[in-house]
Amino acid sequence: MAWLPNVLLASCYFHSNDIDSALRTLSGVKVDALEVRALNIQCLLSLDRVDLARKELKKMQDLDEDATITNLASAWCSMMVGGEKSQDAYYTFQDMADKTKSTSILLNGMATAYLCQAKQDEADGTISEALTVDDNCPETLVNAIKNRFLAGKGVESGARFLSELKSNHSDHKYMRDYNEKEELFDRLAKQYSS
């Protein structure tokens, strides 16, 4: 497991949104480990490089196509491709939930797959189920906000979820982006109000 320090460091870079450093750190690993490839895929997908991510996925599948981490990586790639592939991602998450139990993360995967297919009603039901499993999961709250907006219910319908995110998960990536955009808007509004 000589690759583990690289994966840990690359994970830190990834969560700090320093994707370049994460990819450089992972490129130093000379061992074929599923964990390295999966993190590589996450980095590439965050850069919208689905083509490269799918090449990494193929290598993962050659190593062990039945591994849970390979199936998750496949679902991530499928959602980024969209279309019918989003349905495949849904089935992957559903199969995992059937084999173990429905966790909030798996339910959020299913909800996201529904959102990729513009199936807001189905996503709403899955998000509700995720809220019963863990009513404080930040990904569930983000999906609830996005689903309300995509369903045409307006920003106000997601205000409760946004309030929960602000108070309980202020360091979440969604909230950091939200606050940054809010500050930018305030700055621009002030500039034009004078």
Foldseek 3Di string as FASTA:
>chain_A
DVCVVLLVVLVVCVQVVNLVVSLVSLVPDPDDDLSSLLSVLVSCVVVVNLVVNVVSLVSSVVVPVPDLSSLQSQLSSLLSVADVSLVVSLVSLVVVCVVPHDALVSLLSNLSSCVSVLNLVVSVVSLVVSCVRPVLDLSSLVSVQVSCVSVVVDNVVSVVSVVSCVVPPCPDPVNVVVVVVVVVVVVVVVVVVD
